[in-house]
Amino acid sequence: MLFVLPFASRAAAAPPGASGDLASVLARAAPAADPKVIALATRALRCVQKAMPARTLSVIDYSRPSTEPRLWVFDVNQRTLLFKEWVAHGRNSGDNLTEHFSNAPGSRMSSLGTFVTDGTYQGHNGYSLRLKGLDDGFNDNAESRAIVIHGANYVSPAFARTQGRIGRSWGCPAVRAGVAHKLIDAIRERSVVFAYYPDKRWLGHAATLGDCGASVTASLDGGAGHTRGQAGTRAALSP
């Protein structure tokens, strides 16, 4: 949600000059978020920043149920919270709880890991934002799977109240239709998206959380948008 939040009082935001390390400041700006998840996200952010600047950091905590807001978007330079939102997971990842993850095409599951935003387009889900996965074996098929951020009517508190969960995608982190355009515009350039779940294999082997090695640099050096020529095909696939 873009301040003011419709379901709660105005969220806390750290002033631009707030002191302390980035993870601590962002955790104070988003008191409902898990500070350990924020710390991991800022570690991944630092990895990306070795190869490219990043203006915003979006954190998805898939360990939380879909009925709760579990997406936080931060302005990294101002150290403020921009959005606190509901976000969908893939239909084969679980019901209200997200329990299964995949990098495989056709899995209709969410992927874990660190992504960078890779340009917008108009698809059958409207205004959408491409994501490029940086963690080999966990989310590096995001582009070929057409994993994008887009708006969806099934992402809403009203849907959750009647169904016991929000609607599910084919793997995309879909957000509320009413906020999608503003959120996408806020993170469309020089942005990191971090999708978390306490999965031991991912936590132990993700390049952006480990040595931040050559695979990350190679992915970023490949240039954002190198597969944009396939946008028409991918737009037809994105859920």
C-alpha atoms as a PDB file:
ATOM      1  CA  MET A   1       0.000   0.000   0.000  1.00  0.00           C
ATOM      2  CA  LEU A   2       1.140   3.442  -0.775  1.00  0.00           C
ATOM      3  CA  PHE A   3       0.966   5.622   2.320  1.00  0.00           C
ATOM      4  CA  VAL A   4      -1.709   6.159   3.685  1.00  0.00           C
ATOM      5  CA  LEU A   5      -2.452   2.451   4.234  1.00  0.00           C
ATOM      6  CA  PRO A   6      -6.183   1.728   3.788  1.00  0.00           C
ATOM      7  CA  PHE A   7      -6.332  -1.094   6.339  1.00  0.00           C
ATOM      8  CA  ALA A   8      -4.307   0.449   9.132  1.00  0.00           C
ATOM      9  CA  SER A   9      -2.852   3.625  10.459  1.00  0.00           C
ATOM     10  CA  ARG A  10      -0.032   5.310   8.639  1.00  0.00           C
ATOM     11  CA  ALA A  11       3.030   3.028   8.618  1.00  0.00           C
ATOM     12  CA  ALA A  12       6.182   4.075  10.385  1.00  0.00           C
ATOM     13  CA  ALA A  13       8.908   5.513   8.183  1.00  0.00           C
ATOM     14  CA  ALA A  14      12.471   6.333   9.099  1.00  0.00           C
ATOM     15  CA  PRO A  15      13.488   9.882   8.175  1.00  0.00           C
ATOM     16  CA  PRO A  16      16.094  10.275   5.422  1.00  0.00           C
ATOM     17  CA  GLY A  17      18.838  11.050   7.920  1.00  0.00           C
ATOM     18  CA  ALA A  18      18.093   8.144  10.233  1.00  0.00           C
ATOM     19  CA  SER A  19      21.170   6.676  11.809  1.00  0.00           C
ATOM     20  CA  GLY A  20      22.218   3.045  11.943  1.00  0.00           C
ATOM     21  CA  ASP A  21      22.990   0.363   9.417  1.00  0.00           C
ATOM     22  CA  LEU A  22      20.558  -0.016   6.528  1.00  0.00           C
ATOM     23  CA  ALA A  23      18.966  -3.261   7.751  1.00  0.00           C
ATOM     24  CA  SER A  24      18.201  -1.781  11.181  1.00  0.00           C
ATOM     25  CA  VAL A  25      16.778   1.408   9.736  1.00  0.00           C
ATOM     26  CA  LEU A  26      14.540  -0.438   7.282  1.00  0.00           C
ATOM     27  CA  ALA A  27      13.375  -2.789  10.026  1.00  0.00           C
ATOM     28  CA  ARG A  28      12.325   0.219  12.100  1.00  0.00           C
ATOM     29  CA  ALA A  29      10.523   1.649   9.083  1.00  0.00           C
ATOM     30  CA  ALA A  30       8.559  -1.609   8.709  1.00  0.00           C
ATOM     31  CA  PRO A  31       7.938  -2.879  12.244  1.00  0.00           C
ATOM     32  CA  ALA A  32       5.551  -5.593  11.020  1.00  0.00           C
ATOM     33  CA  ALA A  33       8.319  -7.188   8.943  1.00  0.00           C
ATOM     34  CA  ASP A  34      10.746  -9.771  10.308  1.00  0.00           C
ATOM     35  CA  PRO A  35      14.059  -7.958  10.927  1.00  0.00           C
ATOM     36  CA  LYS A  36      15.986 -11.147  10.101  1.00  0.00           C
ATOM     37  CA  VAL A  37      14.370 -11.237   6.659  1.00  0.00           C
ATOM     38  CA  ILE A  38      15.164  -7.546   6.165  1.00  0.00           C
ATOM     39  CA  ALA A  39      18.797  -8.261   7.082  1.00  0.00           C
ATOM     40  CA  LEU A  40      19.007 -11.037   4.476  1.00  0.00           C
ATOM     41  CA  ALA A  41      17.430  -8.773   1.877  1.00  0.00           C
ATOM     42  CA  THR A  42      19.968  -6.025   2.500  1.00  0.00           C
ATOM     43  CA  ARG A  43      22.758  -8.593   2.156  1.00  0.00           C
ATOM     44  CA  ALA A  44      21.419  -9.497  -1.276  1.00  0.00           C
ATOM     45  CA  LEU A  45      21.074  -5.802  -2.081  1.00  0.00           C
ATOM     46  CA  ARG A  46      24.756  -5.219  -1.294  1.00  0.00           C
ATOM     47  CA  CYS A  47      25.653  -8.051  -3.643  1.00  0.00           C
ATOM     48  CA  VAL A  48      23.702  -6.474  -6.492  1.00  0.00           C
ATOM     49  CA  GLN A  49      25.131  -3.043  -5.744  1.00  0.00           C
ATOM     50  CA  LYS A  50      28.612  -4.349  -6.472  1.00  0.00           C
ATOM     51  CA  ALA A  51      27.596  -4.505 -10.131  1.00  0.00           C
ATOM     52  CA  MET A  52      24.806  -1.915 -10.496  1.00  0.00           C
ATOM     53  CA  PRO A  53      23.107   0.821  -8.485  1.00  0.00           C
ATOM     54  CA  ALA A  54      19.802  -0.014  -6.839  1.00  0.00           C
ATOM     55  CA  ARG A  55      17.301   2.633  -5.823  1.00  0.00           C
ATOM     56  CA  THR A  56      14.623   0.495  -4.158  1.00  0.00           C
ATOM     57  CA  LEU A  57      14.414  -2.818  -2.334  1.00  0.00           C
ATOM     58  CA  SER A  58      11.226  -4.914  -2.358  1.00  0.00           C
ATOM     59  CA  VAL A  59      10.982  -7.704   0.214  1.00  0.00           C
ATOM     60  CA  ILE A  60       8.479 -10.575  -0.064  1.00  0.00           C
ATOM     61  CA  ASP A  61       8.172 -12.842   2.966  1.00  0.00           C
ATOM     62  CA  TYR A  62       6.547 -16.041   1.723  1.00  0.00           C
ATOM     63  CA  SER A  63       6.724 -17.547   5.210  1.00  0.00           C
ATOM     64  CA  ARG A  64       3.632 -15.479   6.014  1.00  0.00           C
ATOM     65  CA  PRO A  65       0.098 -16.413   4.945  1.00  0.00           C
ATOM     66  CA  SER A  66      -1.350 -14.780   1.858  1.00  0.00           C
ATOM     67  CA  THR A  67      -4.090 -13.165   3.947  1.00  0.00           C
ATOM     68  CA  GLU A  68      -1.478 -10.848   5.491  1.00  0.00           C
ATOM     69  CA  PRO A  69       0.443  -8.038   3.807  1.00  0.00           C
ATOM     70  CA  ARG A  70       3.855  -9.619   3.129  1.00  0.00           C
ATOM     71  CA  LEU A  71       5.467  -7.300   0.584  1.00  0.00           C
ATOM     72  CA  TRP A  72       7.433  -4.256   1.720  1.00  0.00           C
ATOM     73  CA  VAL A  73       8.963  -1.767  -0.712  1.00  0.00           C
ATOM     74  CA  PHE A  74      11.699   0.537   0.529  1.00  0.00           C
ATOM     75  CA  ASP A  75      13.420   3.585  -0.901  1.00  0.00           C
ATOM     76  CA  VAL A  76      17.037   2.634  -0.223  1.00  0.00           C
ATOM     77  CA  ASN A  77      18.436   6.155  -0.489  1.00  0.00           C
ATOM     78  CA  GLN A  78      15.782   7.824   1.668  1.00  0.00           C
ATOM     79  CA  ARG A  79      15.540   4.744   3.909  1.00  0.00           C
ATOM     80  CA  THR A  80      11.760   4.945   3.974  1.00  0.00           C
ATOM     81  CA  LEU A  81       8.895   2.511   3.498  1.00  0.00           C
ATOM     82  CA  LEU A  82       6.963   3.161   0.293  1.00  0.00           C
ATOM     83  CA  PHE A  83       4.476   0.276   0.203  1.00  0.00           C
ATOM     84  CA  LYS A  84       3.188  -2.496   2.431  1.00  0.00           C
ATOM     85  CA  GLU A  85       1.078  -4.855   0.362  1.00  0.00           C
ATOM     86  CA  TRP A  86      -0.541  -8.219  -0.189  1.00  0.00           C
ATOM     87  CA  VAL A  87       1.163 -10.367  -2.814  1.00  0.00           C
ATOM     88  CA  ALA A  88       0.126 -13.607  -4.509  1.00  0.00           C
ATOM     89  CA  HIS A  89       2.039 -16.852  -4.813  1.00  0.00           C
ATOM     90  CA  GLY A  90       1.846 -19.571  -7.447  1.00  0.00           C
ATOM     91  CA  ARG A  91      -1.163 -21.875  -7.423  1.00  0.00           C
ATOM     92  CA  ASN A  92       1.041 -24.961  -7.019  1.00  0.00           C
ATOM     93  CA  SER A  93       3.022 -23.369  -4.195  1.00  0.00           C
ATOM     94  CA  GLY A  94       0.262 -23.828  -1.659  1.00  0.00           C
ATOM     95  CA  ASP A  95      -3.149 -22.650  -0.534  1.00  0.00           C
ATOM     96  CA  ASN A  96      -3.058 -19.819   2.013  1.00  0.00           C
ATOM     97  CA  LEU A  97       0.479 -20.798   3.027  1.00  0.00           C
ATOM     98  CA  THR A  98       3.314 -20.859   0.515  1.00  0.00           C
ATOM     99  CA  GLU A  99       5.114 -24.180   0.957  1.00  0.00           C
ATOM    100  CA  HIS A 100       6.571 -25.249  -2.402  1.00  0.00           C
ATOM    101  CA  PHE A 101       8.893 -23.392  -4.748  1.00  0.00           C
ATOM    102  CA  SER A 102      10.296 -24.091  -8.176  1.00  0.00           C
ATOM    103  CA  ASN A 103      12.443 -22.638 -10.934  1.00  0.00           C
ATOM    104  CA  ALA A 104      11.017 -25.040 -13.527  1.00  0.00           C
ATOM    105  CA  PRO A 105       8.974 -23.876 -16.516  1.00  0.00           C
ATOM    106  CA  GLY A 106       5.366 -24.946 -16.265  1.00  0.00           C
ATOM    107  CA  SER A 107       5.529 -25.547 -12.520  1.00  0.00           C
ATOM    108  CA  ARG A 108       3.105 -22.717 -11.677  1.00  0.00           C
ATOM    109  CA  MET A 109       5.061 -22.219  -8.474  1.00  0.00           C
ATOM    110  CA  SER A 110       6.730 -19.176  -6.993  1.00  0.00           C
ATOM    111  CA  SER A 111      10.511 -18.848  -7.014  1.00  0.00           C
ATOM    112  CA  LEU A 112      12.762 -17.781  -4.179  1.00  0.00           C
ATOM    113  CA  GLY A 113      15.745 -15.502  -4.409  1.00  0.00           C
ATOM    114  CA  THR A 114      17.008 -12.158  -5.580  1.00  0.00           C
ATOM    115  CA  PHE A 115      15.679 -10.489  -8.711  1.00  0.00           C
ATOM    116  CA  VAL A 116      16.290  -7.193 -10.463  1.00  0.00           C
ATOM    117  CA  THR A 117      13.529  -5.392 -12.310  1.00  0.00           C
ATOM    118  CA  ASP A 118      13.846  -5.573 -16.071  1.00  0.00           C
ATOM    119  CA  GLY A 119      11.456  -3.171 -17.734  1.00  0.00           C
ATOM    120  CA  THR A 120       7.717  -2.737 -18.170  1.00  0.00           C
ATOM    121  CA  TYR A 121       5.282  -3.793 -20.876  1.00  0.00           C
ATOM    122  CA  GLN A 122       1.559  -3.987 -21.539  1.00  0.00           C
ATOM    123  CA  GLY A 123       0.365  -7.600 -21.506  1.00  0.00           C
ATOM    124  CA  HIS A 124      -2.895  -9.437 -21.033  1.00  0.00           C
ATOM    125  CA  ASN A 125      -2.601  -8.647 -17.315  1.00  0.00           C
ATOM    126  CA  GLY A 126      -2.149  -4.970 -18.093  1.00  0.00           C
ATOM    127  CA  TYR A 127       0.848  -2.934 -17.003  1.00  0.00           C
ATOM    128  CA  SER A 128       3.509  -5.436 -15.925  1.00  0.00           C
ATOM    129  CA  LEU A 129       7.133  -5.457 -14.744  1.00  0.00           C
ATOM    130  CA  ARG A 130       9.635  -8.105 -15.827  1.00  0.00           C
ATOM    131  CA  LEU A 131      11.912  -9.749 -13.279  1.00  0.00           C
ATOM    132  CA  LYS A 132      15.386 -11.156 -13.886  1.00  0.00           C
ATOM    133  CA  GLY A 133      16.483 -13.857 -11.414  1.00  0.00           C
ATOM    134  CA  LEU A 134      20.071 -13.812 -10.141  1.00  0.00           C
ATOM    135  CA  ASP A 135      20.244 -17.030  -8.105  1.00  0.00           C
ATOM    136  CA  ASP A 136      21.203 -19.898 -10.403  1.00  0.00           C
ATOM    137  CA  GLY A 137      19.044 -22.959  -9.910  1.00  0.00           C
ATOM    138  CA  PHE A 138      16.464 -21.050  -7.861  1.00  0.00           C
ATOM    139  CA  ASN A 139      15.080 -18.216  -9.991  1.00  0.00           C
ATOM    140  CA  ASP A 140      17.255 -17.794 -13.088  1.00  0.00           C
ATOM    141  CA  ASN A 141      14.405 -19.068 -15.287  1.00  0.00           C
ATOM    142  CA  ALA A 142      12.191 -16.156 -14.250  1.00  0.00           C
ATOM    143  CA  GLU A 143      12.356 -14.495 -17.655  1.00  0.00           C
ATOM    144  CA  SER A 144      11.619 -17.620 -19.676  1.00  0.00           C
ATOM    145  CA  ARG A 145       8.800 -18.449 -17.235  1.00  0.00           C
ATOM    146  CA  ALA A 146       7.358 -14.931 -17.655  1.00  0.00           C
ATOM    147  CA  ILE A 147       7.523 -14.267 -13.921  1.00  0.00           C
ATOM    148  CA  VAL A 148       6.458 -10.625 -13.660  1.00  0.00           C
ATOM    149  CA  ILE A 149       4.806  -8.220 -11.241  1.00  0.00           C
ATOM    150  CA  HIS A 150       1.294  -7.289 -12.345  1.00  0.00           C
ATOM    151  CA  GLY A 151      -2.026  -6.310 -10.867  1.00  0.00           C
ATOM    152  CA  ALA A 152      -4.796  -8.835 -10.233  1.00  0.00           C
ATOM    153  CA  ASN A 153      -8.341  -8.501  -8.909  1.00  0.00           C
ATOM    154  CA  TYR A 154      -7.911 -11.719  -6.926  1.00  0.00           C
ATOM    155  CA  VAL A 155      -5.299 -10.025  -4.723  1.00  0.00           C
ATOM    156  CA  SER A 156      -7.462  -8.242  -2.186  1.00  0.00           C
ATOM    157  CA  PRO A 157      -8.504  -8.406   1.466  1.00  0.00           C
ATOM    158  CA  ALA A 158     -12.117  -8.889   0.326  1.00  0.00           C
ATOM    159  CA  PHE A 159     -11.162 -12.009  -1.646  1.00  0.00           C
ATOM    160  CA  ALA A 160      -9.233 -13.284   1.379  1.00  0.00           C
ATOM    161  CA  ARG A 161     -12.220 -12.816   3.689  1.00  0.00           C
ATOM    162  CA  THR A 162     -14.490 -14.926   1.477  1.00  0.00           C
ATOM    163  CA  GLN A 163     -11.987 -17.568   0.340  1.00  0.00           C
ATOM    164  CA  GLY A 164      -9.641 -17.867   3.309  1.00  0.00           C
ATOM    165  CA  ARG A 165      -6.729 -16.839   1.081  1.00  0.00           C
ATOM    166  CA  ILE A 166      -6.038 -14.405  -1.731  1.00  0.00           C
ATOM    167  CA  GLY A 167      -6.070 -15.679  -5.288  1.00  0.00           C
ATOM    168  CA  ARG A 168      -3.072 -17.444  -6.756  1.00  0.00           C
ATOM    169  CA  SER A 169      -1.064 -16.838  -9.900  1.00  0.00           C
ATOM    170  CA  TRP A 170       0.984 -19.063 -12.189  1.00  0.00           C
ATOM    171  CA  GLY A 171       4.078 -18.065 -10.230  1.00  0.00           C
ATOM    172  CA  CYS A 172       3.996 -14.287 -10.495  1.00  0.00           C
ATOM    173  CA  PRO A 173       4.106 -12.048  -7.419  1.00  0.00           C
ATOM    174  CA  ALA A 174       0.842 -10.342  -8.380  1.00  0.00           C
ATOM    175  CA  VAL A 175      -0.361  -7.369  -6.334  1.00  0.00           C
ATOM    176  CA  ARG A 176      -3.636  -5.492  -5.877  1.00  0.00           C
ATOM    177  CA  ALA A 177      -4.927  -4.086  -9.150  1.00  0.00           C
ATOM    178  CA  GLY A 178      -5.528  -0.694  -7.576  1.00  0.00           C
ATOM    179  CA  VAL A 179      -1.920  -0.241  -6.496  1.00  0.00           C
ATOM    180  CA  ALA A 180      -0.086  -2.086  -9.296  1.00  0.00           C
ATOM    181  CA  HIS A 181       0.660   0.870 -11.567  1.00  0.00           C
ATOM    182  CA  LYS A 182       2.009   3.081  -8.765  1.00  0.00           C
ATOM    183  CA  LEU A 183       4.058   0.260  -7.271  1.00  0.00           C
ATOM    184  CA  ILE A 184       5.516  -0.800 -10.615  1.00  0.00           C
ATOM    185  CA  ASP A 185       6.455   2.774 -11.481  1.00  0.00           C
ATOM    186  CA  ALA A 186       8.195   3.119  -8.113  1.00  0.00           C
ATOM    187  CA  ILE A 187      10.438   0.086  -8.681  1.00  0.00           C
ATOM    188  CA  ARG A 188      10.705  -0.162 -12.460  1.00  0.00           C
ATOM    189  CA  GLU A 189      14.290   1.132 -12.618  1.00  0.00           C
ATOM    190  CA  ARG A 190      17.375   0.132 -10.619  1.00  0.00           C
ATOM    191  CA  SER A 191      15.440  -2.051  -8.220  1.00  0.00           C
ATOM    192  CA  VAL A 192      15.983  -5.272  -6.299  1.00  0.00           C
ATOM    193  CA  VAL A 193      13.188  -7.704  -5.404  1.00  0.00           C
ATOM    194  CA  PHE A 194      13.945 -10.291  -2.701  1.00  0.00           C
ATOM    195  CA  ALA A 195      11.621 -13.279  -2.204  1.00  0.00           C
ATOM    196  CA  TYR A 196      12.172 -15.128   1.085  1.00  0.00           C
ATOM    197  CA  TYR A 197      11.199 -18.439   2.650  1.00  0.00           C
ATOM    198  CA  PRO A 198      13.216 -20.390   5.261  1.00  0.00           C
ATOM    199  CA  ASP A 199      14.325 -22.974   2.712  1.00  0.00           C
ATOM    200  CA  LYS A 200      17.638 -24.441   3.838  1.00  0.00           C
ATOM    201  CA  ARG A 201      18.873 -25.347   0.365  1.00  0.00           C
ATOM    202  CA  TRP A 202      18.272 -21.852  -0.983  1.00  0.00           C
ATOM    203  CA  LEU A 203      19.686 -20.140   2.102  1.00  0.00           C
ATOM    204  CA  GLY A 204      22.806 -22.283   1.884  1.00  0.00           C
ATOM    205  CA  HIS A 205      23.423 -22.049  -1.852  1.00  0.00           C
ATOM    206  CA  ALA A 206      21.999 -18.767  -3.192  1.00  0.00           C
ATOM    207  CA  ALA A 207      24.777 -16.815  -4.858  1.00  0.00           C
ATOM    208  CA  THR A 208      23.423 -13.437  -3.754  1.00  0.00           C
ATOM    209  CA  LEU A 209      23.468 -14.545  -0.112  1.00  0.00           C
ATOM    210  CA  GLY A 210      26.833 -16.285  -0.315  1.00  0.00           C
ATOM    211  CA  ASP A 211      30.012 -15.275  -2.068  1.00  0.00           C
ATOM    212  CA  CYS A 212      28.186 -13.039  -4.552  1.00  0.00           C
ATOM    213  CA  GLY A 213      30.267 -14.680  -7.223  1.00  0.00           C
ATOM    214  CA  ALA A 214      30.753 -14.562 -10.952  1.00  0.00           C
ATOM    215  CA  SER A 215      27.289 -15.905 -11.781  1.00  0.00           C
ATOM    216  CA  VAL A 216      25.653 -12.811 -10.300  1.00  0.00           C
ATOM    217  CA  THR A 217      28.014 -10.453 -12.099  1.00  0.00           C
ATOM    218  CA  ALA A 218      27.528 -12.335 -15.355  1.00  0.00           C
ATOM    219  CA  SER A 219      23.751 -12.108 -15.051  1.00  0.00           C
ATOM    220  CA  LEU A 220      23.914  -8.368 -14.497  1.00  0.00           C
ATOM    221  CA  ASP A 221      26.612  -7.786 -17.124  1.00  0.00           C
ATOM    222  CA  GLY A 222      24.351  -9.542 -19.608  1.00  0.00           C
ATOM    223  CA  GLY A 223      22.315  -6.388 -19.575  1.00  0.00           C
ATOM    224  CA  ALA A 224      18.767  -5.873 -18.427  1.00  0.00           C
ATOM    225  CA  GLY A 225      16.296  -6.516 -21.152  1.00  0.00           C
ATOM    226  CA  HIS A 226      18.461  -8.799 -23.284  1.00  0.00           C
ATOM    227  CA  THR A 227      15.447 -11.018 -23.882  1.00  0.00           C
ATOM    228  CA  ARG A 228      12.909  -8.267 -24.358  1.00  0.00           C
ATOM    229  CA  GLY A 229      12.491  -9.272 -27.965  1.00  0.00           C
ATOM    230  CA  GLN A 230      10.509 -12.188 -26.597  1.00  0.00           C
ATOM    231  CA  ALA A 231       8.107  -9.871 -24.781  1.00  0.00           C
ATOM    232  CA  GLY A 232       5.118 -10.795 -26.907  1.00  0.00           C
ATOM    233  CA  THR A 233       5.574 -14.505 -26.245  1.00  0.00           C
ATOM    234  CA  ARG A 234       6.218 -14.038 -22.552  1.00  0.00           C
ATOM    235  CA  ALA A 235       3.260 -11.673 -22.177  1.00  0.00           C
ATOM    236  CA  ALA A 236       1.043 -14.449 -23.463  1.00  0.00           C
ATOM    237  CA  LEU A 237       2.437 -16.776 -20.809  1.00  0.00           C
ATOM    238  CA  SER A 238       2.447 -14.554 -17.729  1.00  0.00           C
ATOM    239  CA  PRO A 239      -0.299 -15.428 -15.256  1.00  0.00           C
END
